[in-house]
C-alpha cells in the first residue's frame, strides 16, 4: 500500500484519500480522518488488508492530555491472522468459564463469569503439538462506561462472556505465538486510562560524563628518603628507570617538583661509572 492502493488486478487503483473515505463511511464510522490515516499506516507497516479491519480505533482517556485520544490497536482477529500465517496454528479450545458472579457496579447490577480460560495449540518442530493456556478475570478486563464510574459499558454489560473470551484468546495467542507481538488488543484496552503522557526521547548520543579526578595524598618525604637507596640500586641494575618510578608513585600519590627531581637524579650520568 502506498499513495495508491490496488483493490484487485481487474479494478482501477484507489487513491489513499478515496480509501480513507471508504473506511470512514463503512468500517470506522464517526472516526476522525487522522485516526483512519493512522489505521492505513499501521496496515501498511504490517502488510495487512485494511478492508479486513485487522485493527480498531479505540478512544482512551489520557491523563496527560486531559481528554480522550484515538489509539490504533490490534483486534483479536489480527492475532488469529498472524497465527494462521505461521502455518503452525493447530486450533483453539472452547472457552471455559468460572462461576457466575452478580455485583452492583456503579449502580448497575451485572452478572458475569468470574474468569475465562482458553487454550491455543501450536504444532512445534517434529510434529509435537504444544498447548498454551491463558486465564483472564472479568473484573480485571471489563471496560467502564465513563472514566469516573465503575459501571461497565454497553458491550461488556450485554456480552459479558464473549468479551472476556476475546481477552483470554488474545492472551493465549500471544503466549503461543510471541512473534505476533505483545500489544494489547482493543478489547483489552477499551475503557482504560493512559497514566503517562508521551515522553521526549533524545536520539542523539550524549557524551559520557567524566568523573572528577580524586585528589591524591602527598607522597611523604620520609618514605621517599627511605626508598631512594633501593630505587637507585634498581636503576643502576637496569631493573627500573626514573620515569617508571615516577609513573608508579604518581598513580597513588602526588609528587612535588622537588621529589620528582630527586627521583630523576637516580639516572646514572653517562660516562661516569663507579
C-alpha atoms as a PDB file:
ATOM      1  CA  UNK A   1       0.000   0.000   0.000  1.00  0.00           C
ATOM      2  CA  UNK A   2       1.304   3.419  -0.923  1.00  0.00           C
ATOM      3  CA  UNK A   3      -0.375   6.622  -2.020  1.00  0.00           C
ATOM      4  CA  UNK A   4      -2.187   4.443  -4.473  1.00  0.00           C
ATOM      5  CA  UNK A   5      -3.644   1.126  -3.371  1.00  0.00           C
ATOM      6  CA  UNK A   6      -4.930  -1.578  -5.670  1.00  0.00           C
ATOM      7  CA  UNK A   7      -8.174  -3.306  -4.830  1.00  0.00           C
ATOM      8  CA  UNK A   8      -7.622  -6.101  -7.316  1.00  0.00           C
ATOM      9  CA  UNK A   9      -5.920  -6.572 -10.629  1.00  0.00           C
ATOM     10  CA  UNK A  10      -9.161  -6.095 -12.589  1.00  0.00           C
ATOM     11  CA  UNK A  11     -10.125  -2.910 -10.757  1.00  0.00           C
ATOM     12  CA  UNK A  12      -8.534   0.523 -11.092  1.00  0.00           C
ATOM     13  CA  UNK A  13      -6.241   1.702  -8.320  1.00  0.00           C
ATOM     14  CA  UNK A  14      -7.849   3.609  -5.457  1.00  0.00           C
ATOM     15  CA  UNK A  15      -6.166   6.679  -4.065  1.00  0.00           C
ATOM     16  CA  UNK A  16      -5.437   6.892  -0.368  1.00  0.00           C
ATOM     17  CA  UNK A  17      -7.895   9.753   0.030  1.00  0.00           C
ATOM     18  CA  UNK A  18     -10.649   7.657  -1.539  1.00  0.00           C
ATOM     19  CA  UNK A  19      -9.785   4.695   0.674  1.00  0.00           C
ATOM     20  CA  UNK A  20      -9.932   6.903   3.755  1.00  0.00           C
ATOM     21  CA  UNK A  21     -13.423   7.978   2.716  1.00  0.00           C
ATOM     22  CA  UNK A  22     -14.490   4.348   2.234  1.00  0.00           C
ATOM     23  CA  UNK A  23     -13.137   3.260   5.600  1.00  0.00           C
ATOM     24  CA  UNK A  24     -14.590   6.293   7.378  1.00  0.00           C
ATOM     25  CA  UNK A  25     -18.028   5.565   5.964  1.00  0.00           C
ATOM     26  CA  UNK A  26     -18.061   1.805   6.498  1.00  0.00           C
ATOM     27  CA  UNK A  27     -15.603   0.160   8.898  1.00  0.00           C
ATOM     28  CA  UNK A  28     -14.815   3.198  11.065  1.00  0.00           C
ATOM     29  CA  UNK A  29     -17.938   5.397  11.036  1.00  0.00           C
ATOM     30  CA  UNK A  30     -17.569   8.568  13.051  1.00  0.00           C
ATOM     31  CA  UNK A  31     -13.783   8.264  13.366  1.00  0.00           C
ATOM     32  CA  UNK A  32     -11.623  11.312  12.759  1.00  0.00           C
ATOM     33  CA  UNK A  33      -9.766  11.409   9.467  1.00  0.00           C
ATOM     34  CA  UNK A  34      -6.362  11.439  11.163  1.00  0.00           C
ATOM     35  CA  UNK A  35      -7.315   8.272  13.053  1.00  0.00           C
ATOM     36  CA  UNK A  36      -8.243   6.469   9.835  1.00  0.00           C
ATOM     37  CA  UNK A  37      -4.943   7.587   8.288  1.00  0.00           C
ATOM     38  CA  UNK A  38      -3.179   6.020  11.302  1.00  0.00           C
ATOM     39  CA  UNK A  39      -5.026   2.772  10.549  1.00  0.00           C
ATOM     40  CA  UNK A  40      -3.729   2.814   6.973  1.00  0.00           C
ATOM     41  CA  UNK A  41      -0.176   3.471   8.167  1.00  0.00           C
ATOM     42  CA  UNK A  42      -0.422   0.579  10.645  1.00  0.00           C
ATOM     43  CA  UNK A  43      -1.724  -1.779   7.976  1.00  0.00           C
ATOM     44  CA  UNK A  44       0.974  -0.699   5.535  1.00  0.00           C
ATOM     45  CA  UNK A  45       3.745  -1.390   8.048  1.00  0.00           C
ATOM     46  CA  UNK A  46       2.302  -4.812   8.933  1.00  0.00           C
ATOM     47  CA  UNK A  47       1.332  -5.689   5.321  1.00  0.00           C
ATOM     48  CA  UNK A  48      -2.332  -6.063   6.237  1.00  0.00           C
ATOM     49  CA  UNK A  49      -5.502  -5.513   4.214  1.00  0.00           C
ATOM     50  CA  UNK A  50      -7.292  -2.580   5.881  1.00  0.00           C
ATOM     51  CA  UNK A  51     -10.615  -3.750   4.433  1.00  0.00           C
ATOM     52  CA  UNK A  52     -10.456  -6.792   6.748  1.00  0.00           C
ATOM     53  CA  UNK A  53     -10.428  -4.413   9.736  1.00  0.00           C
ATOM     54  CA  UNK A  54      -7.477  -6.056  11.492  1.00  0.00           C
ATOM     55  CA  UNK A  55      -7.125  -3.079  13.850  1.00  0.00           C
ATOM     56  CA  UNK A  56      -9.538  -0.874  15.754  1.00  0.00           C
ATOM     57  CA  UNK A  57      -9.676   2.784  16.724  1.00  0.00           C
ATOM     58  CA  UNK A  58     -10.122   2.913  20.489  1.00  0.00           C
ATOM     59  CA  UNK A  59     -10.830   6.193  22.323  1.00  0.00           C
ATOM     60  CA  UNK A  60      -8.799   6.093  25.548  1.00  0.00           C
ATOM     61  CA  UNK A  61      -8.707   8.702  28.281  1.00  0.00           C
ATOM     62  CA  UNK A  62      -5.277  10.316  28.572  1.00  0.00           C
ATOM     63  CA  UNK A  63      -4.474  11.926  31.912  1.00  0.00           C
ATOM     64  CA  UNK A  64      -1.609  13.848  30.333  1.00  0.00           C
ATOM     65  CA  UNK A  65      -3.767  15.282  27.534  1.00  0.00           C
ATOM     66  CA  UNK A  66      -6.837  15.631  29.742  1.00  0.00           C
ATOM     67  CA  UNK A  67      -9.102  14.206  27.046  1.00  0.00           C
ATOM     68  CA  UNK A  68      -9.987  11.094  25.074  1.00  0.00           C
ATOM     69  CA  UNK A  69      -7.428  10.237  22.408  1.00  0.00           C
ATOM     70  CA  UNK A  70      -7.906   7.886  19.463  1.00  0.00           C
ATOM     71  CA  UNK A  71      -5.474   4.969  19.613  1.00  0.00           C
ATOM     72  CA  UNK A  72      -4.974   2.324  16.922  1.00  0.00           C
ATOM     73  CA  UNK A  73      -4.848  -1.147  18.455  1.00  0.00           C
ATOM     74  CA  UNK A  74      -4.932  -4.676  17.055  1.00  0.00           C
ATOM     75  CA  UNK A  75      -8.069  -6.758  17.321  1.00  0.00           C
ATOM     76  CA  UNK A  76      -8.077 -10.420  18.258  1.00  0.00           C
ATOM     77  CA  UNK A  77      -8.785 -11.097  14.566  1.00  0.00           C
ATOM     78  CA  UNK A  78      -5.321  -9.761  13.701  1.00  0.00           C
ATOM     79  CA  UNK A  79      -3.685 -12.209  16.096  1.00  0.00           C
ATOM     80  CA  UNK A  80      -5.694 -15.021  14.509  1.00  0.00           C
ATOM     81  CA  UNK A  81      -4.469 -13.972  11.052  1.00  0.00           C
ATOM     82  CA  UNK A  82      -0.844 -13.770  12.152  1.00  0.00           C
ATOM     83  CA  UNK A  83      -1.017 -17.122  13.931  1.00  0.00           C
ATOM     84  CA  UNK A  84      -2.518 -18.743  10.820  1.00  0.00           C
ATOM     85  CA  UNK A  85       0.240 -17.250   8.657  1.00  0.00           C
ATOM     86  CA  UNK A  86       2.866 -19.193  10.600  1.00  0.00           C
ATOM     87  CA  UNK A  87       1.441 -22.488   9.333  1.00  0.00           C
ATOM     88  CA  UNK A  88       1.703 -23.864  12.874  1.00  0.00           C
ATOM     89  CA  UNK A  89      -1.683 -22.884  14.267  1.00  0.00           C
ATOM     90  CA  UNK A  90      -3.282 -26.127  15.466  1.00  0.00           C
ATOM     91  CA  UNK A  91      -6.579 -24.906  16.835  1.00  0.00           C
ATOM     92  CA  UNK A  92      -8.126 -23.469  19.946  1.00  0.00           C
ATOM     93  CA  UNK A  93     -10.271 -24.813  22.770  1.00  0.00           C
ATOM     94  CA  UNK A  94     -13.778 -23.701  23.602  1.00  0.00           C
ATOM     95  CA  UNK A  95     -13.830 -21.029  26.326  1.00  0.00           C
ATOM     96  CA  UNK A  96     -14.054 -22.409  29.859  1.00  0.00           C
ATOM     97  CA  UNK A  97     -15.773 -20.093  32.317  1.00  0.00           C
ATOM     98  CA  UNK A  98     -15.682 -19.728  36.053  1.00  0.00           C
ATOM     99  CA  UNK A  99     -18.745 -19.366  38.262  1.00  0.00           C
ATOM    100  CA  UNK A 100     -21.207 -16.578  37.533  1.00  0.00           C
ATOM    101  CA  UNK A 101     -20.947 -13.574  39.834  1.00  0.00           C
ATOM    102  CA  UNK A 102     -23.552 -10.862  40.368  1.00  0.00           C
ATOM    103  CA  UNK A 103     -22.353  -7.484  41.589  1.00  0.00           C
ATOM    104  CA  UNK A 104     -23.529  -3.892  41.714  1.00  0.00           C
ATOM    105  CA  UNK A 105     -21.019  -1.777  39.808  1.00  0.00           C
ATOM    106  CA  UNK A 106     -21.621   1.956  39.671  1.00  0.00           C
ATOM    107  CA  UNK A 107     -25.311   1.489  40.397  1.00  0.00           C
ATOM    108  CA  UNK A 108     -25.724  -1.200  37.721  1.00  0.00           C
ATOM    109  CA  UNK A 109     -26.367  -4.839  38.603  1.00  0.00           C
ATOM    110  CA  UNK A 110     -24.117  -7.007  36.463  1.00  0.00           C
ATOM    111  CA  UNK A 111     -23.822 -10.775  36.137  1.00  0.00           C
ATOM    112  CA  UNK A 112     -20.539 -12.006  34.695  1.00  0.00           C
ATOM    113  CA  UNK A 113     -18.189 -15.013  34.712  1.00  0.00           C
ATOM    114  CA  UNK A 114     -15.501 -14.752  37.361  1.00  0.00           C
ATOM    115  CA  UNK A 115     -12.862 -15.905  34.883  1.00  0.00           C
ATOM    116  CA  UNK A 116     -12.356 -17.404  31.432  1.00  0.00           C
ATOM    117  CA  UNK A 117      -9.719 -19.901  30.320  1.00  0.00           C
ATOM    118  CA  UNK A 118      -8.723 -20.662  26.711  1.00  0.00           C
ATOM    119  CA  UNK A 119      -6.024 -22.913  25.262  1.00  0.00           C
ATOM    120  CA  UNK A 120      -4.283 -22.322  21.922  1.00  0.00           C
ATOM    121  CA  UNK A 121      -2.393 -25.168  20.259  1.00  0.00           C
ATOM    122  CA  UNK A 122       0.767 -24.807  18.174  1.00  0.00           C
ATOM    123  CA  UNK A 123       2.449 -27.508  16.147  1.00  0.00           C
ATOM    124  CA  UNK A 124       6.111 -27.479  17.029  1.00  0.00           C
ATOM    125  CA  UNK A 125       9.111 -28.858  15.184  1.00  0.00           C
ATOM    126  CA  UNK A 126       8.891 -32.652  14.949  1.00  0.00           C
ATOM    127  CA  UNK A 127       5.101 -32.695  14.930  1.00  0.00           C
ATOM    128  CA  UNK A 128       4.622 -32.167  18.659  1.00  0.00           C
ATOM    129  CA  UNK A 129       1.566 -30.043  19.487  1.00  0.00           C
ATOM    130  CA  UNK A 130       2.117 -27.723  22.428  1.00  0.00           C
ATOM    131  CA  UNK A 131      -0.718 -26.138  24.390  1.00  0.00           C
ATOM    132  CA  UNK A 132      -0.665 -22.567  25.696  1.00  0.00           C
ATOM    133  CA  UNK A 133      -3.370 -21.678  28.199  1.00  0.00           C
ATOM    134  CA  UNK A 134      -4.369 -18.214  29.355  1.00  0.00           C
ATOM    135  CA  UNK A 135      -6.804 -17.245  32.101  1.00  0.00           C
ATOM    136  CA  UNK A 136      -8.357 -13.796  32.405  1.00  0.00           C
ATOM    137  CA  UNK A 137     -10.657 -12.362  35.084  1.00  0.00           C
ATOM    138  CA  UNK A 138     -13.692 -10.273  34.199  1.00  0.00           C
ATOM    139  CA  UNK A 139     -13.129  -7.615  36.848  1.00  0.00           C
ATOM    140  CA  UNK A 140      -9.581  -7.024  35.603  1.00  0.00           C
ATOM    141  CA  UNK A 141     -10.638  -6.602  31.980  1.00  0.00           C
ATOM    142  CA  UNK A 142     -14.063  -5.024  31.657  1.00  0.00           C
ATOM    143  CA  UNK A 143     -14.395  -1.534  30.214  1.00  0.00           C
ATOM    144  CA  UNK A 144     -16.231   1.169  32.132  1.00  0.00           C
ATOM    145  CA  UNK A 145     -18.920   3.338  30.615  1.00  0.00           C
ATOM    146  CA  UNK A 146     -17.098   6.513  31.671  1.00  0.00           C
ATOM    147  CA  UNK A 147     -13.776   7.357  33.229  1.00  0.00           C
ATOM    148  CA  UNK A 148     -15.395   8.315  36.549  1.00  0.00           C
ATOM    149  CA  UNK A 149     -17.725   5.335  37.026  1.00  0.00           C
ATOM    150  CA  UNK A 150     -17.369   1.658  37.853  1.00  0.00           C
ATOM    151  CA  UNK A 151     -20.335   0.674  35.671  1.00  0.00           C
ATOM    152  CA  UNK A 152     -19.447  -1.394  32.588  1.00  0.00           C
ATOM    153  CA  UNK A 153     -20.056  -0.021  29.128  1.00  0.00           C
ATOM    154  CA  UNK A 154     -22.864  -1.348  26.949  1.00  0.00           C
ATOM    155  CA  UNK A 155     -20.768  -4.022  25.233  1.00  0.00           C
ATOM    156  CA  UNK A 156     -19.364  -5.538  28.433  1.00  0.00           C
ATOM    157  CA  UNK A 157     -22.794  -5.374  30.046  1.00  0.00           C
ATOM    158  CA  UNK A 158     -24.523  -7.108  27.145  1.00  0.00           C
ATOM    159  CA  UNK A 159     -21.755  -9.574  26.167  1.00  0.00           C
ATOM    160  CA  UNK A 160     -20.059 -10.289  29.488  1.00  0.00           C
ATOM    161  CA  UNK A 161     -18.988 -13.785  28.443  1.00  0.00           C
ATOM    162  CA  UNK A 162     -17.980 -13.142  24.825  1.00  0.00           C
ATOM    163  CA  UNK A 163     -15.916 -10.039  25.625  1.00  0.00           C
ATOM    164  CA  UNK A 164     -13.916 -11.849  28.313  1.00  0.00           C
ATOM    165  CA  UNK A 165     -13.375 -14.792  25.961  1.00  0.00           C
ATOM    166  CA  UNK A 166     -11.777 -12.484  23.389  1.00  0.00           C
ATOM    167  CA  UNK A 167      -9.377 -11.158  26.022  1.00  0.00           C
ATOM    168  CA  UNK A 168      -8.416 -14.681  27.098  1.00  0.00           C
ATOM    169  CA  UNK A 169      -7.962 -15.754  23.480  1.00  0.00           C
ATOM    170  CA  UNK A 170      -5.711 -12.772  22.731  1.00  0.00           C
ATOM    171  CA  UNK A 171      -3.523 -13.604  25.731  1.00  0.00           C
ATOM    172  CA  UNK A 172      -3.321 -17.280  24.730  1.00  0.00           C
ATOM    173  CA  UNK A 173      -2.384 -16.340  21.149  1.00  0.00           C
ATOM    174  CA  UNK A 174       0.406 -14.065  22.411  1.00  0.00           C
ATOM    175  CA  UNK A 175       1.748 -16.885  24.573  1.00  0.00           C
ATOM    176  CA  UNK A 176       1.624 -19.441  21.759  1.00  0.00           C
ATOM    177  CA  UNK A 177       2.876 -17.083  19.050  1.00  0.00           C
ATOM    178  CA  UNK A 178       5.070 -14.410  20.668  1.00  0.00           C
ATOM    179  CA  UNK A 179       6.118 -13.275  17.209  1.00  0.00           C
ATOM    180  CA  UNK A 180       2.657 -11.766  16.659  1.00  0.00           C
ATOM    181  CA  UNK A 181       3.594  -9.037  19.127  1.00  0.00           C
ATOM    182  CA  UNK A 182       2.855  -8.034  22.698  1.00  0.00           C
ATOM    183  CA  UNK A 183       0.459  -5.121  22.179  1.00  0.00           C
ATOM    184  CA  UNK A 184      -2.873  -5.458  23.986  1.00  0.00           C
ATOM    185  CA  UNK A 185      -5.956  -5.745  21.814  1.00  0.00           C
ATOM    186  CA  UNK A 186      -8.737  -3.198  21.515  1.00  0.00           C
ATOM    187  CA  UNK A 187     -10.995  -5.361  23.684  1.00  0.00           C
ATOM    188  CA  UNK A 188      -8.373  -5.422  26.444  1.00  0.00           C
ATOM    189  CA  UNK A 189      -7.692  -1.678  26.375  1.00  0.00           C
ATOM    190  CA  UNK A 190     -11.208  -0.317  25.828  1.00  0.00           C
ATOM    191  CA  UNK A 191     -12.151   1.975  28.693  1.00  0.00           C
ATOM    192  CA  UNK A 192      -8.645   2.026  30.150  1.00  0.00           C
ATOM    193  CA  UNK A 193      -6.655   5.127  31.067  1.00  0.00           C
ATOM    194  CA  UNK A 194      -3.262   6.242  29.828  1.00  0.00           C
ATOM    195  CA  UNK A 195      -1.444   7.162  33.038  1.00  0.00           C
ATOM    196  CA  UNK A 196       1.531   8.832  31.405  1.00  0.00           C
ATOM    197  CA  UNK A 197       1.858  11.191  28.519  1.00  0.00           C
ATOM    198  CA  UNK A 198       4.400  10.823  25.738  1.00  0.00           C
ATOM    199  CA  UNK A 199       7.993  11.228  26.812  1.00  0.00           C
ATOM    200  CA  UNK A 200      10.531  13.226  24.854  1.00  0.00           C
ATOM    201  CA  UNK A 201      13.282  10.969  23.615  1.00  0.00           C
ATOM    202  CA  UNK A 202      16.652  12.378  22.574  1.00  0.00           C
ATOM    203  CA  UNK A 203      18.122  10.052  19.963  1.00  0.00           C
ATOM    204  CA  UNK A 204      21.478  11.833  19.891  1.00  0.00           C
ATOM    205  CA  UNK A 205      24.210  10.086  21.783  1.00  0.00           C
ATOM    206  CA  UNK A 206      25.113  12.076  24.846  1.00  0.00           C
ATOM    207  CA  UNK A 207      28.764  12.319  25.874  1.00  0.00           C
ATOM    208  CA  UNK A 208      29.524  10.261  28.920  1.00  0.00           C
ATOM    209  CA  UNK A 209      30.370  12.425  31.912  1.00  0.00           C
ATOM    210  CA  UNK A 210      33.947  12.168  33.063  1.00  0.00           C
ATOM    211  CA  UNK A 211      34.299  11.770  36.808  1.00  0.00           C
ATOM    212  CA  UNK A 212      36.217  14.460  38.588  1.00  0.00           C
ATOM    213  CA  UNK A 213      39.738  13.268  39.403  1.00  0.00           C
ATOM    214  CA  UNK A 214      40.211  12.363  43.040  1.00  0.00           C
ATOM    215  CA  UNK A 215      42.926  14.326  44.818  1.00  0.00           C
ATOM    216  CA  UNK A 216      45.834  12.060  45.833  1.00  0.00           C
ATOM    217  CA  UNK A 217      47.697  12.305  49.102  1.00  0.00           C
ATOM    218  CA  UNK A 218      51.147  13.867  49.071  1.00  0.00           C
ATOM    219  CA  UNK A 219      54.000  11.390  48.992  1.00  0.00           C
ATOM    220  CA  UNK A 220      55.721  11.512  52.415  1.00  0.00           C
ATOM    221  CA  UNK A 221      59.317  12.819  52.301  1.00  0.00           C
ATOM    222  CA  UNK A 222      60.459  10.275  54.899  1.00  0.00           C
ATOM    223  CA  UNK A 223      59.143   7.478  52.700  1.00  0.00           C
ATOM    224  CA  UNK A 224      60.948   8.940  49.698  1.00  0.00           C
ATOM    225  CA  UNK A 225      64.234   9.098  51.605  1.00  0.00           C
ATOM    226  CA  UNK A 226      63.716   5.506  52.724  1.00  0.00           C
ATOM    227  CA  UNK A 227      63.119   4.260  49.169  1.00  0.00           C
ATOM    228  CA  UNK A 228      65.741   6.293  47.294  1.00  0.00           C
ATOM    229  CA  UNK A 229      68.645   3.857  48.043  1.00  0.00           C
ATOM    230  CA  UNK A 230      66.546   0.880  46.901  1.00  0.00           C
ATOM    231  CA  UNK A 231      65.446   2.655  43.746  1.00  0.00           C
ATOM    232  CA  UNK A 232      68.992   3.753  42.957  1.00  0.00           C
ATOM    233  CA  UNK A 233      70.149   0.134  43.112  1.00  0.00           C
ATOM    234  CA  UNK A 234      67.284  -0.960  40.862  1.00  0.00           C
ATOM    235  CA  UNK A 235      68.059   1.778  38.320  1.00  0.00           C
ATOM    236  CA  UNK A 236      71.784   1.001  38.289  1.00  0.00           C
ATOM    237  CA  UNK A 237      70.999  -2.696  37.820  1.00  0.00           C
ATOM    238  CA  UNK A 238      68.716  -1.867  34.869  1.00  0.00           C
ATOM    239  CA  UNK A 239      65.619  -3.253  36.593  1.00  0.00           C
ATOM    240  CA  UNK A 240      63.821   0.107  36.574  1.00  0.00           C
ATOM    241  CA  UNK A 241      64.118   3.716  35.449  1.00  0.00           C
ATOM    242  CA  UNK A 242      63.358   7.116  36.998  1.00  0.00           C
ATOM    243  CA  UNK A 243      60.435   7.644  34.622  1.00  0.00           C
ATOM    244  CA  UNK A 244      58.919   4.295  35.563  1.00  0.00           C
ATOM    245  CA  UNK A 245      59.336   5.025  39.257  1.00  0.00           C
ATOM    246  CA  UNK A 246      57.718   8.451  38.884  1.00  0.00           C
ATOM    247  CA  UNK A 247      54.756   6.977  36.988  1.00  0.00           C
ATOM    248  CA  UNK A 248      54.284   4.216  39.559  1.00  0.00           C
ATOM    249  CA  UNK A 249      54.344   6.527  42.563  1.00  0.00           C
ATOM    250  CA  UNK A 250      52.171   9.160  40.821  1.00  0.00           C
ATOM    251  CA  UNK A 251      49.386   6.605  40.337  1.00  0.00           C
ATOM    252  CA  UNK A 252      48.878   6.576  44.115  1.00  0.00           C
ATOM    253  CA  UNK A 253      50.410   9.776  45.442  1.00  0.00           C
ATOM    254  CA  UNK A 254      51.115  13.364  44.458  1.00  0.00           C
ATOM    255  CA  UNK A 255      54.814  14.053  43.974  1.00  0.00           C
ATOM    256  CA  UNK A 256      56.235  17.526  44.479  1.00  0.00           C
ATOM    257  CA  UNK A 257      58.591  19.080  41.945  1.00  0.00           C
ATOM    258  CA  UNK A 258      61.491  18.553  44.351  1.00  0.00           C
ATOM    259  CA  UNK A 259      60.625  14.867  44.821  1.00  0.00           C
ATOM    260  CA  UNK A 260      60.388  14.332  41.069  1.00  0.00           C
ATOM    261  CA  UNK A 261      63.794  15.979  40.649  1.00  0.00           C
ATOM    262  CA  UNK A 262      65.326  13.683  43.278  1.00  0.00           C
ATOM    263  CA  UNK A 263      63.990  10.593  41.515  1.00  0.00           C
ATOM    264  CA  UNK A 264      65.239  11.845  38.134  1.00  0.00           C
ATOM    265  CA  UNK A 265      68.698  12.256  39.664  1.00  0.00           C
ATOM    266  CA  UNK A 266      68.782   8.483  40.173  1.00  0.00           C
ATOM    267  CA  UNK A 267      69.645   8.128  36.481  1.00  0.00           C
ATOM    268  CA  UNK A 268      73.352   7.308  36.044  1.00  0.00           C
ATOM    269  CA  UNK A 269      75.433  10.053  34.423  1.00  0.00           C
ATOM    270  CA  UNK A 270      76.717   8.955  31.058  1.00  0.00           C
ATOM    271  CA  UNK A 271      80.462   8.363  31.006  1.00  0.00           C
ATOM    272  CA  UNK A 272      80.686   8.014  34.764  1.00  0.00           C
ATOM    273  CA  UNK A 273      80.913   4.575  36.346  1.00  0.00           C
ATOM    274  CA  UNK A 274      81.558   3.628  39.901  1.00  0.00           C
END
